[in-house]
């Protein structure tokens, strides 16, 4: 995702560019940075270890925050409304994610060594801290959740900077970060963190139920495309060598067998299906072409 054309636009002189054009370019930069961050975070779902996964997520979000800090440190807001939008709407999206992931990472790390009693104490403690935060910031919560605007200029402009009040996060926080932006970011993070803690507490107190549920639950899995499409996908997986078995690329026979077991389907005619696929007249790889198109459409949609 190339941001350089938009970045150059942001730093062009006023004699070459209208205020509206600069404002639009700034919005484009933000949207592309957010889309880039979200796509990177999605990819971490492939990491099975939660500590490693959340650690990776924190690095990705921190990188995105550094990019924003670098871009906007020398940028002059074109209007008061643009400055308010940046501190009220843009910054909290990134910082709230960082705050939340940092909290969850600490919990996942603690789960490796702490017993049930200590974990329950930690969950209860953090839930009490969240409730205290919402109580102490009740006014701002009402303002934020009510989508109010009458105090925006007072709360979300550089003149209301944090002035060193949040030095504990100085490696991450923008020097121009407003105190209200910081608190709104925590409102968003704590809302999500509270939900996470409640689920973890329930899982801790109902461990036997969770085990039994995992034993008894049987997902109903079925084939959603034709067998010829499935054969096309199996061949593509084998040729791409995406799956390894005992240190070796999975064979067509192994992939076919696993597909039969997982999807409860019969692929004894796999060779005939593969032959027919190779001799398609109109489109040799309709499934792969469709997947590529859908992937590009998704990327374009997120990049808007």
Foldseek 3Di string as FASTA:
>chain_A
DDLVVLLVVQPDDCVVDPLVSNLVSVVLSLLQLVLVLVVVLVVLVVPPQLLVSLVVNLVSLLVSLVVVLVSCVPGDRSDLVSQLCCLLPRVLVSLLSNVQSVVVSVLSVCVVPDDLVVSLVVLVVVLVVLVVLCVVPVVLVCCNVVVHDPCSSVFRHLVQFPVCVPVVCVVRDRRSRHPSSVSVSNVSNSVVNNVVSVVVNVCSVPVVVVVVCVVPDDDQAADPDDVLLVLLVLVVCQVVQPDADPRHRDDSVRSVVVCCVRHVDDCPVSVVSLVVLCPDDPDSNVNVVVVVVVVVVVSVVSSD
